[in-house]
């Protein structure tokens, strides 16, 4: 797996983790990790050309919902949508808003 694909999967997992956390401090830590990862991707968006988001979304959600995180989760009780609620272009855009993305995930998880 390339560094870019790992960064993309990790970004999605961190966004999902931030959305899942009921503790504001824990959510803030995952948001910061997402900001850092997104900044790396935004610095060189051409690295993501030719990638499709859906496989990374599935992997990211699975990673975020790993058993070791279950105890700290509590913000969202329903499953995340099968399709990624973000486009690849959105995720690598310089103005990507992590906080808005987390709220979007919370809403999409609550509505399916």
Foldseek 3Di string as FASTA:
>chain_A
DDPVLVLLLLLLLLLQLLLFFPDPVSSVVSLVVNVVSLQVCLVPVVVCPPPFCQVSNVSSQCVNPDPVSVVRGDNADAAADSGDPDGSCLSNHPPNDSVVSSVVRRVRRNVD
